Amino acid sequence: DIECKSPMSDGISEIMQKVLDEDERRI
């Protein structure tokens, strides 16, 4: 149910959401 919206480009945010785990995104 996680909604992925971010001030970053929607495409990059979506890609980050899909390929990186939580710690990787944070780093």
mmCIF file of all heavy atoms, coordinates in Angstrom:
data_MODEL
# 
_entry.id   MODEL 
# 
loop_
_atom_site.group_PDB 
_atom_site.id 
_atom_site.type_symbol 
_atom_site.label_atom_id 
_atom_site.label_alt_id 
_atom_site.label_comp_id 
_atom_site.label_asym_id 
_atom_site.label_entity_id 
_atom_site.label_seq_id 
_atom_site.pdbx_PDB_ins_code 
_atom_site.Cartn_x 
_atom_site.Cartn_y 
_atom_site.Cartn_z 
_atom_site.occupancy 
_atom_site.B_iso_or_equiv 
_atom_site.pdbx_formal_charge 
_atom_site.auth_seq_id 
_atom_site.auth_comp_id 
_atom_site.auth_asym_id 
_atom_site.auth_atom_id 
_atom_site.pdbx_PDB_model_num 
ATOM 1   N N   . ASP A 1 1  ? 0.808  -1.220 0.000   1.00 0.00 ? 1  ASP A N   1 
ATOM 2   C CA  . ASP A 1 1  ? 0.000  0.000  0.000   1.00 0.00 ? 1  ASP A CA  1 
ATOM 3   C C   . ASP A 1 1  ? 0.839  1.268  0.000   1.00 0.00 ? 1  ASP A C   1 
ATOM 4   O O   . ASP A 1 1  ? 0.305  2.358  0.091   1.00 0.00 ? 1  ASP A O   1 
ATOM 5   C CB  . ASP A 1 1  ? -0.919 0.036  1.222   1.00 0.00 ? 1  ASP A CB  1 
ATOM 6   C CG  . ASP A 1 1  ? -1.987 -1.040 1.146   1.00 0.00 ? 1  ASP A CG  1 
ATOM 7   O OD1 . ASP A 1 1  ? -2.298 -1.477 0.025   1.00 0.00 ? 1  ASP A OD1 1 
ATOM 8   O OD2 . ASP A 1 1  ? -2.503 -1.421 2.200   1.00 0.00 ? 1  ASP A OD2 1 
ATOM 9   N N   . ILE A 1 2  ? 2.159  1.130  -0.090  1.00 0.00 ? 2  ILE A N   1 
ATOM 10  C CA  . ILE A 1 2  ? 3.029  2.304  -0.037  1.00 0.00 ? 2  ILE A CA  1 
ATOM 11  C C   . ILE A 1 2  ? 2.832  3.155  -1.277  1.00 0.00 ? 2  ILE A C   1 
ATOM 12  O O   . ILE A 1 2  ? 2.925  2.678  -2.393  1.00 0.00 ? 2  ILE A O   1 
ATOM 13  C CB  . ILE A 1 2  ? 4.508  1.890  0.097   1.00 0.00 ? 2  ILE A CB  1 
ATOM 14  C CG1 . ILE A 1 2  ? 4.727  1.264  1.467   1.00 0.00 ? 2  ILE A CG1 1 
ATOM 15  C CG2 . ILE A 1 2  ? 5.434  3.080  -0.099  1.00 0.00 ? 2  ILE A CG2 1 
ATOM 16  C CD1 . ILE A 1 2  ? 6.097  0.674  1.650   1.00 0.00 ? 2  ILE A CD1 1 
ATOM 17  N N   . GLU A 1 3  ? 2.559  4.431  -1.049  1.00 0.00 ? 3  GLU A N   1 
ATOM 18  C CA  . GLU A 1 3  ? 2.408  5.381  -2.150  1.00 0.00 ? 3  GLU A CA  1 
ATOM 19  C C   . GLU A 1 3  ? 3.738  6.083  -2.323  1.00 0.00 ? 3  GLU A C   1 
ATOM 20  O O   . GLU A 1 3  ? 4.307  6.579  -1.361  1.00 0.00 ? 3  GLU A O   1 
ATOM 21  C CB  . GLU A 1 3  ? 1.318  6.386  -1.788  1.00 0.00 ? 3  GLU A CB  1 
ATOM 22  C CG  . GLU A 1 3  ? 1.054  7.389  -2.856  1.00 0.00 ? 3  GLU A CG  1 
ATOM 23  C CD  . GLU A 1 3  ? -0.026 8.365  -2.448  1.00 0.00 ? 3  GLU A CD  1 
ATOM 24  O OE1 . GLU A 1 3  ? -0.699 8.135  -1.441  1.00 0.00 ? 3  GLU A OE1 1 
ATOM 25  O OE2 . GLU A 1 3  ? -0.174 9.368  -3.138  1.00 0.00 ? 3  GLU A OE2 1 
ATOM 26  N N   . CYS A 1 4  ? 4.233  6.140  -3.515  1.00 0.00 ? 4  CYS A N   1 
ATOM 27  C CA  . CYS A 1 4  ? 5.563  6.700  -3.758  1.00 0.00 ? 4  CYS A CA  1 
ATOM 28  C C   . CYS A 1 4  ? 5.444  8.053  -4.440  1.00 0.00 ? 4  CYS A C   1 
ATOM 29  O O   . CYS A 1 4  ? 5.288  8.134  -5.644  1.00 0.00 ? 4  CYS A O   1 
ATOM 30  C CB  . CYS A 1 4  ? 6.394  5.738  -4.598  1.00 0.00 ? 4  CYS A CB  1 
ATOM 31  S SG  . CYS A 1 4  ? 8.058  6.330  -4.842  1.00 0.00 ? 4  CYS A SG  1 
ATOM 32  N N   . LYS A 1 5  ? 5.468  9.121  -3.644  1.00 0.00 ? 5  LYS A N   1 
ATOM 33  C CA  . LYS A 1 5  ? 5.536  10.474 -4.177  1.00 0.00 ? 5  LYS A CA  1 
ATOM 34  C C   . LYS A 1 5  ? 6.719  11.125 -3.495  1.00 0.00 ? 5  LYS A C   1 
ATOM 35  O O   . LYS A 1 5  ? 6.991  10.870 -2.338  1.00 0.00 ? 5  LYS A O   1 
ATOM 36  C CB  . LYS A 1 5  ? 4.274  11.268 -3.845  1.00 0.00 ? 5  LYS A CB  1 
ATOM 37  C CG  . LYS A 1 5  ? 3.052  10.796 -4.582  1.00 0.00 ? 5  LYS A CG  1 
ATOM 38  C CD  . LYS A 1 5  ? 1.892  11.693 -4.233  1.00 0.00 ? 5  LYS A CD  1 
ATOM 39  C CE  . LYS A 1 5  ? 0.628  11.244 -4.905  1.00 0.00 ? 5  LYS A CE  1 
ATOM 40  N NZ  . LYS A 1 5  ? -0.530 12.024 -4.488  1.00 0.00 ? 5  LYS A NZ  1 
ATOM 41  N N   . SER A 1 6  ? 7.396  11.974 -4.194  1.00 0.00 ? 6  SER A N   1 
ATOM 42  C CA  . SER A 1 6  ? 8.597  12.577 -3.657  1.00 0.00 ? 6  SER A CA  1 
ATOM 43  C C   . SER A 1 6  ? 8.890  13.850 -4.413  1.00 0.00 ? 6  SER A C   1 
ATOM 44  O O   . SER A 1 6  ? 8.415  14.037 -5.525  1.00 0.00 ? 6  SER A O   1 
ATOM 45  C CB  . SER A 1 6  ? 9.746  11.583 -3.810  1.00 0.00 ? 6  SER A CB  1 
ATOM 46  O OG  . SER A 1 6  ? 10.971 12.195 -3.819  1.00 0.00 ? 6  SER A OG  1 
ATOM 47  N N   . PRO A 1 7  ? 9.681  14.777 -3.809  1.00 0.00 ? 7  PRO A N   1 
ATOM 48  C CA  . PRO A 1 7  ? 10.048 15.973 -4.546  1.00 0.00 ? 7  PRO A CA  1 
ATOM 49  C C   . PRO A 1 7  ? 11.013 15.672 -5.682  1.00 0.00 ? 7  PRO A C   1 
ATOM 50  O O   . PRO A 1 7  ? 11.265 16.501 -6.518  1.00 0.00 ? 7  PRO A O   1 
ATOM 51  C CB  . PRO A 1 7  ? 10.702 16.859 -3.489  1.00 0.00 ? 7  PRO A CB  1 
ATOM 52  C CG  . PRO A 1 7  ? 11.191 15.926 -2.452  1.00 0.00 ? 7  PRO A CG  1 
ATOM 53  C CD  . PRO A 1 7  ? 10.227 14.769 -2.465  1.00 0.00 ? 7  PRO A CD  1 
ATOM 54  N N   . MET A 1 8  ? 11.557 14.437 -5.705  1.00 0.00 ? 8  MET A N   1 
ATOM 55  C CA  . MET A 1 8  ? 12.432 14.057 -6.801  1.00 0.00 ? 8  MET A CA  1 
ATOM 56  C C   . MET A 1 8  ? 11.557 13.747 -8.005  1.00 0.00 ? 8  MET A C   1 
ATOM 57  O O   . MET A 1 8  ? 10.357 13.562 -7.894  1.00 0.00 ? 8  MET A O   1 
ATOM 58  C CB  . MET A 1 8  ? 13.236 12.805 -6.429  1.00 0.00 ? 8  MET A CB  1 
ATOM 59  C CG  . MET A 1 8  ? 14.207 13.014 -5.306  1.00 0.00 ? 8  MET A CG  1 
ATOM 60  S SD  . MET A 1 8  ? 15.148 11.530 -4.976  1.00 0.00 ? 8  MET A SD  1 
ATOM 61  C CE  . MET A 1 8  ? 14.019 10.614 -3.970  1.00 0.00 ? 8  MET A CE  1 
ATOM 62  N N   . SER A 1 9  ? 12.168 13.656 -9.149  1.00 0.00 ? 9  SER A N   1 
ATOM 63  C CA  . SER A 1 9  ? 11.452 13.249 -10.345 1.00 0.00 ? 9  SER A CA  1 
ATOM 64  C C   . SER A 1 9  ? 10.701 11.956 -10.053 1.00 0.00 ? 9  SER A C   1 
ATOM 65  O O   . SER A 1 9  ? 11.243 11.038 -9.455  1.00 0.00 ? 9  SER A O   1 
ATOM 66  C CB  . SER A 1 9  ? 12.449 13.049 -11.480 1.00 0.00 ? 9  SER A CB  1 
ATOM 67  O OG  . SER A 1 9  ? 11.910 12.248 -12.482 1.00 0.00 ? 9  SER A OG  1 
ATOM 68  N N   . ASP A 1 10 ? 9.435  11.889 -10.473 1.00 0.00 ? 10 ASP A N   1 
ATOM 69  C CA  . ASP A 1 10 ? 8.631  10.696 -10.205 1.00 0.00 ? 10 ASP A CA  1 
ATOM 70  C C   . ASP A 1 10 ? 9.316  9.437  -10.702 1.00 0.00 ? 10 ASP A C   1 
ATOM 71  O O   . ASP A 1 10 ? 9.287  8.402  -10.057 1.00 0.00 ? 10 ASP A O   1 
ATOM 72  C CB  . ASP A 1 10 ? 7.246  10.833 -10.838 1.00 0.00 ? 10 ASP A CB  1 
ATOM 73  C CG  . ASP A 1 10 ? 6.362  11.792 -10.065 1.00 0.00 ? 10 ASP A CG  1 
ATOM 74  O OD1 . ASP A 1 10 ? 6.662  12.041 -8.889  1.00 0.00 ? 10 ASP A OD1 1 
ATOM 75  O OD2 . ASP A 1 10 ? 5.384  12.292 -10.647 1.00 0.00 ? 10 ASP A OD2 1 
ATOM 76  N N   . GLY A 1 11 ? 9.961  9.494  -11.878 1.00 0.00 ? 11 GLY A N   1 
ATOM 77  C CA  . GLY A 1 11 ? 10.620 8.328  -12.434 1.00 0.00 ? 11 GLY A CA  1 
ATOM 78  C C   . GLY A 1 11 ? 11.766 7.846  -11.576 1.00 0.00 ? 11 GLY A C   1 
ATOM 79  O O   . GLY A 1 11 ? 11.898 6.653  -11.310 1.00 0.00 ? 11 GLY A O   1 
ATOM 80  N N   . ILE A 1 12 ? 12.588 8.758  -11.134 1.00 0.00 ? 12 ILE A N   1 
ATOM 81  C CA  . ILE A 1 12 ? 13.737 8.381  -10.304 1.00 0.00 ? 12 ILE A CA  1 
ATOM 82  C C   . ILE A 1 12 ? 13.265 7.873  -8.955  1.00 0.00 ? 12 ILE A C   1 
ATOM 83  O O   . ILE A 1 12 ? 13.778 6.882  -8.445  1.00 0.00 ? 12 ILE A O   1 
ATOM 84  C CB  . ILE A 1 12 ? 14.711 9.563  -10.145 1.00 0.00 ? 12 ILE A CB  1 
ATOM 85  C CG1 . ILE A 1 12 ? 15.259 9.922  -11.496 1.00 0.00 ? 12 ILE A CG1 1 
ATOM 86  C CG2 . ILE A 1 12 ? 15.761 9.267  -9.108  1.00 0.00 ? 12 ILE A CG2 1 
ATOM 87  C CD1 . ILE A 1 12 ? 16.578 10.567 -11.569 1.00 0.00 ? 12 ILE A CD1 1 
ATOM 88  N N   . SER A 1 13 ? 12.278 8.544  -8.382  1.00 0.00 ? 13 SER A N   1 
ATOM 89  C CA  . SER A 1 13 ? 11.750 8.101  -7.099  1.00 0.00 ? 13 SER A CA  1 
ATOM 90  C C   . SER A 1 13 ? 11.186 6.688  -7.213  1.00 0.00 ? 13 SER A C   1 
ATOM 91  O O   . SER A 1 13 ? 11.414 5.843  -6.353  1.00 0.00 ? 13 SER A O   1 
ATOM 92  C CB  . SER A 1 13 ? 10.660 9.069  -6.631  1.00 0.00 ? 13 SER A CB  1 
ATOM 93  O OG  . SER A 1 13 ? 10.109 8.637  -5.428  1.00 0.00 ? 13 SER A OG  1 
ATOM 94  N N   . GLU A 1 14 ? 10.473 6.436  -8.292  1.00 0.00 ? 14 GLU A N   1 
ATOM 95  C CA  . GLU A 1 14 ? 9.886  5.116  -8.516  1.00 0.00 ? 14 GLU A CA  1 
ATOM 96  C C   . GLU A 1 14 ? 10.974 4.061  -8.689  1.00 0.00 ? 14 GLU A C   1 
ATOM 97  O O   . GLU A 1 14 ? 10.887 2.969  -8.129  1.00 0.00 ? 14 GLU A O   1 
ATOM 98  C CB  . GLU A 1 14 ? 8.991  5.161  -9.755  1.00 0.00 ? 14 GLU A CB  1 
ATOM 99  C CG  . GLU A 1 14 ? 8.238  3.879  -10.003 1.00 0.00 ? 14 GLU A CG  1 
ATOM 100 C CD  . GLU A 1 14 ? 7.314  4.008  -11.195 1.00 0.00 ? 14 GLU A CD  1 
ATOM 101 O OE1 . GLU A 1 14 ? 6.608  5.025  -11.302 1.00 0.00 ? 14 GLU A OE1 1 
ATOM 102 O OE2 . GLU A 1 14 ? 7.325  3.081  -12.023 1.00 0.00 ? 14 GLU A OE2 1 
ATOM 103 N N   . ILE A 1 15 ? 12.001 4.393  -9.447  1.00 0.00 ? 15 ILE A N   1 
ATOM 104 C CA  . ILE A 1 15 ? 13.106 3.448  -9.654  1.00 0.00 ? 15 ILE A CA  1 
ATOM 105 C C   . ILE A 1 15 ? 13.813 3.177  -8.326  1.00 0.00 ? 15 ILE A C   1 
ATOM 106 O O   . ILE A 1 15 ? 14.106 2.024  -7.996  1.00 0.00 ? 15 ILE A O   1 
ATOM 107 C CB  . ILE A 1 15 ? 14.094 3.977  -10.718 1.00 0.00 ? 15 ILE A CB  1 
ATOM 108 C CG1 . ILE A 1 15 ? 13.421 3.924  -12.102 1.00 0.00 ? 15 ILE A CG1 1 
ATOM 109 C CG2 . ILE A 1 15 ? 15.385 3.168  -10.720 1.00 0.00 ? 15 ILE A CG2 1 
ATOM 110 C CD1 . ILE A 1 15 ? 14.181 4.644  -13.184 1.00 0.00 ? 15 ILE A CD1 1 
ATOM 111 N N   . MET A 1 16 ? 14.074 4.239  -7.564  1.00 0.00 ? 16 MET A N   1 
ATOM 112 C CA  . MET A 1 16 ? 14.723 4.049  -6.264  1.00 0.00 ? 16 MET A CA  1 
ATOM 113 C C   . MET A 1 16 ? 13.874 3.137  -5.378  1.00 0.00 ? 16 MET A C   1 
ATOM 114 O O   . MET A 1 16 ? 14.399 2.275  -4.681  1.00 0.00 ? 16 MET A O   1 
ATOM 115 C CB  . MET A 1 16 ? 14.959 5.388  -5.564  1.00 0.00 ? 16 MET A CB  1 
ATOM 116 C CG  . MET A 1 16 ? 16.133 6.165  -6.108  1.00 0.00 ? 16 MET A CG  1 
ATOM 117 S SD  . MET A 1 16 ? 16.420 7.709  -5.237  1.00 0.00 ? 16 MET A SD  1 
ATOM 118 C CE  . MET A 1 16 ? 16.984 7.149  -3.644  1.00 0.00 ? 16 MET A CE  1 
ATOM 119 N N   . GLN A 1 17 ? 12.566 3.371  -5.406  1.00 0.00 ? 17 GLN A N   1 
ATOM 120 C CA  . GLN A 1 17 ? 11.651 2.578  -4.597  1.00 0.00 ? 17 GLN A CA  1 
ATOM 121 C C   . GLN A 1 17 ? 11.708 1.100  -4.982  1.00 0.00 ? 17 GLN A C   1 
ATOM 122 O O   . GLN A 1 17 ? 11.670 0.235  -4.123  1.00 0.00 ? 17 GLN A O   1 
ATOM 123 C CB  . GLN A 1 17 ? 10.233 3.128  -4.793  1.00 0.00 ? 17 GLN A CB  1 
ATOM 124 C CG  . GLN A 1 17 ? 9.252  2.707  -3.771  1.00 0.00 ? 17 GLN A CG  1 
ATOM 125 C CD  . GLN A 1 17 ? 9.496  3.364  -2.433  1.00 0.00 ? 17 GLN A CD  1 
ATOM 126 O OE1 . GLN A 1 17 ? 10.199 4.355  -2.319  1.00 0.00 ? 17 GLN A OE1 1 
ATOM 127 N NE2 . GLN A 1 17 ? 8.951  2.792  -1.402  1.00 0.00 ? 17 GLN A NE2 1 
ATOM 128 N N   . LYS A 1 18 ? 11.834 0.839  -6.280  1.00 0.00 ? 18 LYS A N   1 
ATOM 129 C CA  . LYS A 1 18 ? 11.811 -0.541 -6.768  1.00 0.00 ? 18 LYS A CA  1 
ATOM 130 C C   . LYS A 1 18 ? 13.128 -1.276 -6.556  1.00 0.00 ? 18 LYS A C   1 
ATOM 131 O O   . LYS A 1 18 ? 13.125 -2.459 -6.225  1.00 0.00 ? 18 LYS A O   1 
ATOM 132 C CB  . LYS A 1 18 ? 11.470 -0.568 -8.259  1.00 0.00 ? 18 LYS A CB  1 
ATOM 133 C CG  . LYS A 1 18 ? 10.018 -0.288 -8.542  1.00 0.00 ? 18 LYS A CG  1 
ATOM 134 C CD  . LYS A 1 18 ? 9.742  -0.339 -10.032 1.00 0.00 ? 18 LYS A CD  1 
ATOM 135 C CE  . LYS A 1 18 ? 8.290  -0.019 -10.324 1.00 0.00 ? 18 LYS A CE  1 
ATOM 136 N NZ  . LYS A 1 18 ? 8.011  -0.002 -11.754 1.00 0.00 ? 18 LYS A NZ  1 
ATOM 137 N N   . VAL A 1 19 ? 14.256 -0.602 -6.773  1.00 0.00 ? 19 VAL A N   1 
ATOM 138 C CA  . VAL A 1 19 ? 15.530 -1.329 -6.796  1.00 0.00 ? 19 VAL A CA  1 
ATOM 139 C C   . VAL A 1 19 ? 16.358 -1.216 -5.517  1.00 0.00 ? 19 VAL A C   1 
ATOM 140 O O   . VAL A 1 19 ? 17.270 -2.009 -5.320  1.00 0.00 ? 19 VAL A O   1 
ATOM 141 C CB  . VAL A 1 19 ? 16.408 -0.926 -8.010  1.00 0.00 ? 19 VAL A CB  1 
ATOM 142 C CG1 . VAL A 1 19 ? 15.688 -1.192 -9.314  1.00 0.00 ? 19 VAL A CG1 1 
ATOM 143 C CG2 . VAL A 1 19 ? 16.866 0.504  -7.929  1.00 0.00 ? 19 VAL A CG2 1 
ATOM 144 N N   . LEU A 1 20 ? 16.056 -0.248 -4.661  1.00 0.00 ? 20 LEU A N   1 
ATOM 145 C CA  . LEU A 1 20 ? 16.855 -0.069 -3.448  1.00 0.00 ? 20 LEU A CA  1 
ATOM 146 C C   . LEU A 1 20 ? 16.045 -0.415 -2.208  1.00 0.00 ? 20 LEU A C   1 
ATOM 147 O O   . LEU A 1 20 ? 14.851 -0.112 -2.137  1.00 0.00 ? 20 LEU A O   1 
ATOM 148 C CB  . LEU A 1 20 ? 17.343 1.378  -3.327  1.00 0.00 ? 20 LEU A CB  1 
ATOM 149 C CG  . LEU A 1 20 ? 18.185 1.931  -4.464  1.00 0.00 ? 20 LEU A CG  1 
ATOM 150 C CD1 . LEU A 1 20 ? 18.582 3.372  -4.174  1.00 0.00 ? 20 LEU A CD1 1 
ATOM 151 C CD2 . LEU A 1 20 ? 19.408 1.079  -4.706  1.00 0.00 ? 20 LEU A CD2 1 
ATOM 152 N N   . ASP A 1 21 ? 16.712 -1.016 -1.240  1.00 0.00 ? 21 ASP A N   1 
ATOM 153 C CA  . ASP A 1 21 ? 16.017 -1.245 0.023   1.00 0.00 ? 21 ASP A CA  1 
ATOM 154 C C   . ASP A 1 21 ? 16.053 0.042  0.848   1.00 0.00 ? 21 ASP A C   1 
ATOM 155 O O   . ASP A 1 21 ? 16.667 1.041  0.447   1.00 0.00 ? 21 ASP A O   1 
ATOM 156 C CB  . ASP A 1 21 ? 16.599 -2.451 0.777   1.00 0.00 ? 21 ASP A CB  1 
ATOM 157 C CG  . ASP A 1 21 ? 18.012 -2.244 1.304   1.00 0.00 ? 21 ASP A CG  1 
ATOM 158 O OD1 . ASP A 1 21 ? 18.384 -1.101 1.649   1.00 0.00 ? 21 ASP A OD1 1 
ATOM 159 O OD2 . ASP A 1 21 ? 18.757 -3.239 1.378   1.00 0.00 ? 21 ASP A OD2 1 
ATOM 160 N N   . GLU A 1 22 ? 15.410 0.013  1.976   1.00 0.00 ? 22 GLU A N   1 
ATOM 161 C CA  . GLU A 1 22 ? 15.255 1.202  2.812   1.00 0.00 ? 22 GLU A CA  1 
ATOM 162 C C   . GLU A 1 22 ? 16.602 1.830  3.202   1.00 0.00 ? 22 GLU A C   1 
ATOM 163 O O   . GLU A 1 22 ? 16.788 3.040  3.083   1.00 0.00 ? 22 GLU A O   1 
ATOM 164 C CB  . GLU A 1 22 ? 14.478 0.795  4.073   1.00 0.00 ? 22 GLU A CB  1 
ATOM 165 C CG  . GLU A 1 22 ? 13.966 1.925  4.901   1.00 0.00 ? 22 GLU A CG  1 
ATOM 166 C CD  . GLU A 1 22 ? 13.096 1.403  6.024   1.00 0.00 ? 22 GLU A CD  1 
ATOM 167 O OE1 . GLU A 1 22 ? 12.176 0.599  5.774   1.00 0.00 ? 22 GLU A OE1 1 
ATOM 168 O OE2 . GLU A 1 22 ? 13.353 1.805  7.170   1.00 0.00 ? 22 GLU A OE2 1 
ATOM 169 N N   . ASP A 1 23 ? 17.542 1.014  3.660   1.00 0.00 ? 23 ASP A N   1 
ATOM 170 C CA  . ASP A 1 23 ? 18.856 1.535  4.062   1.00 0.00 ? 23 ASP A CA  1 
ATOM 171 C C   . ASP A 1 23 ? 19.606 2.133  2.877   1.00 0.00 ? 23 ASP A C   1 
ATOM 172 O O   . ASP A 1 23 ? 20.231 3.181  2.992   1.00 0.00 ? 23 ASP A O   1 
ATOM 173 C CB  . ASP A 1 23 ? 19.722 0.431  4.689   1.00 0.00 ? 23 ASP A CB  1 
ATOM 174 C CG  . ASP A 1 23 ? 19.331 0.134  6.122   1.00 0.00 ? 23 ASP A CG  1 
ATOM 175 O OD1 . ASP A 1 23 ? 18.670 0.980  6.745   1.00 0.00 ? 23 ASP A OD1 1 
ATOM 176 O OD2 . ASP A 1 23 ? 19.697 -0.950 6.608   1.00 0.00 ? 23 ASP A OD2 1 
ATOM 177 N N   . GLU A 1 24 ? 19.533 1.458  1.726   1.00 0.00 ? 24 GLU A N   1 
ATOM 178 C CA  . GLU A 1 24 ? 20.225 1.958  0.540   1.00 0.00 ? 24 GLU A CA  1 
ATOM 179 C C   . GLU A 1 24 ? 19.658 3.315  0.120   1.00 0.00 ? 24 GLU A C   1 
ATOM 180 O O   . GLU A 1 24 ? 20.411 4.231  -0.192  1.00 0.00 ? 24 GLU A O   1 
ATOM 181 C CB  . GLU A 1 24 ? 20.100 0.949  -0.612  1.00 0.00 ? 24 GLU A CB  1 
ATOM 182 C CG  . GLU A 1 24 ? 20.879 -0.325 -0.372  1.00 0.00 ? 24 GLU A CG  1 
ATOM 183 C CD  . GLU A 1 24 ? 20.555 -1.421 -1.368  1.00 0.00 ? 24 GLU A CD  1 
ATOM 184 O OE1 . GLU A 1 24 ? 19.445 -1.416 -1.946  1.00 0.00 ? 24 GLU A OE1 1 
ATOM 185 O OE2 . GLU A 1 24 ? 21.421 -2.304 -1.556  1.00 0.00 ? 24 GLU A OE2 1 
ATOM 186 N N   . ARG A 1 25 ? 18.329 3.449  0.114   1.00 0.00 ? 25 ARG A N   1 
ATOM 187 C CA  . ARG A 1 25 ? 17.713 4.742  -0.241  1.00 0.00 ? 25 ARG A CA  1 
ATOM 188 C C   . ARG A 1 25 ? 18.156 5.835  0.722   1.00 0.00 ? 25 ARG A C   1 
ATOM 189 O O   . ARG A 1 25 ? 18.507 6.938  0.324   1.00 0.00 ? 25 ARG A O   1 
ATOM 190 C CB  . ARG A 1 25 ? 16.184 4.632  -0.227  1.00 0.00 ? 25 ARG A CB  1 
ATOM 191 C CG  . ARG A 1 25 ? 15.593 3.973  -1.428  1.00 0.00 ? 25 ARG A CG  1 
ATOM 192 C CD  . ARG A 1 25 ? 14.083 4.149  -1.499  1.00 0.00 ? 25 ARG A CD  1 
ATOM 193 N NE  . ARG A 1 25 ? 13.366 3.741  -0.306  1.00 0.00 ? 25 ARG A NE  1 
ATOM 194 C CZ  . ARG A 1 25 ? 12.934 2.509  -0.066  1.00 0.00 ? 25 ARG A CZ  1 
ATOM 195 N NH1 . ARG A 1 25 ? 13.150 1.539  -0.937  1.00 0.00 ? 25 ARG A NH1 1 
ATOM 196 N NH2 . ARG A 1 25 ? 12.271 2.236  1.036   1.00 0.00 ? 25 ARG A NH2 1 
ATOM 197 N N   . ARG A 1 26 ? 18.157 5.529  2.001   1.00 0.00 ? 26 ARG A N   1 
ATOM 198 C CA  . ARG A 1 26 ? 18.536 6.499  3.024   1.00 0.00 ? 26 ARG A CA  1 
ATOM 199 C C   . ARG A 1 26 ? 19.978 6.959  2.816   1.00 0.00 ? 26 ARG A C   1 
ATOM 200 O O   . ARG A 1 26 ? 20.274 8.155  2.866   1.00 0.00 ? 26 ARG A O   1 
ATOM 201 C CB  . ARG A 1 26 ? 18.364 5.842  4.390   1.00 0.00 ? 26 ARG A CB  1 
ATOM 202 C CG  . ARG A 1 26 ? 18.242 6.804  5.516   1.00 0.00 ? 26 ARG A CG  1 
ATOM 203 C CD  . ARG A 1 26 ? 17.774 6.124  6.801   1.00 0.00 ? 26 ARG A CD  1 
ATOM 204 N NE  . ARG A 1 26 ? 16.393 5.704  6.666   1.00 0.00 ? 26 ARG A NE  1 
ATOM 205 C CZ  . ARG A 1 26 ? 15.941 4.493  6.987   1.00 0.00 ? 26 ARG A CZ  1 
ATOM 206 N NH1 . ARG A 1 26 ? 16.743 3.589  7.485   1.00 0.00 ? 26 ARG A NH1 1 
ATOM 207 N NH2 . ARG A 1 26 ? 14.676 4.183  6.827   1.00 0.00 ? 26 ARG A NH2 1 
ATOM 208 N N   . ILE A 1 27 ? 20.876 6.021  2.548   1.00 0.00 ? 27 ILE A N   1 
ATOM 209 C CA  . ILE A 1 27 ? 22.289 6.351  2.346   1.00 0.00 ? 27 ILE A CA  1 
ATOM 210 C C   . ILE A 1 27 ? 22.470 7.204  1.097   1.00 0.00 ? 27 ILE A C   1 
ATOM 211 O O   . ILE A 1 27 ? 23.189 8.212  1.127   1.00 0.00 ? 27 ILE A O   1 
ATOM 212 C CB  . ILE A 1 27 ? 23.143 5.060  2.292   1.00 0.00 ? 27 ILE A CB  1 
ATOM 213 C CG1 . ILE A 1 27 ? 23.215 4.430  3.691   1.00 0.00 ? 27 ILE A CG1 1 
ATOM 214 C CG2 . ILE A 1 27 ? 24.542 5.348  1.753   1.00 0.00 ? 27 ILE A CG2 1 
ATOM 215 C CD1 . ILE A 1 27 ? 23.752 3.013  3.720   1.00 0.00 ? 27 ILE A CD1 1 
# 
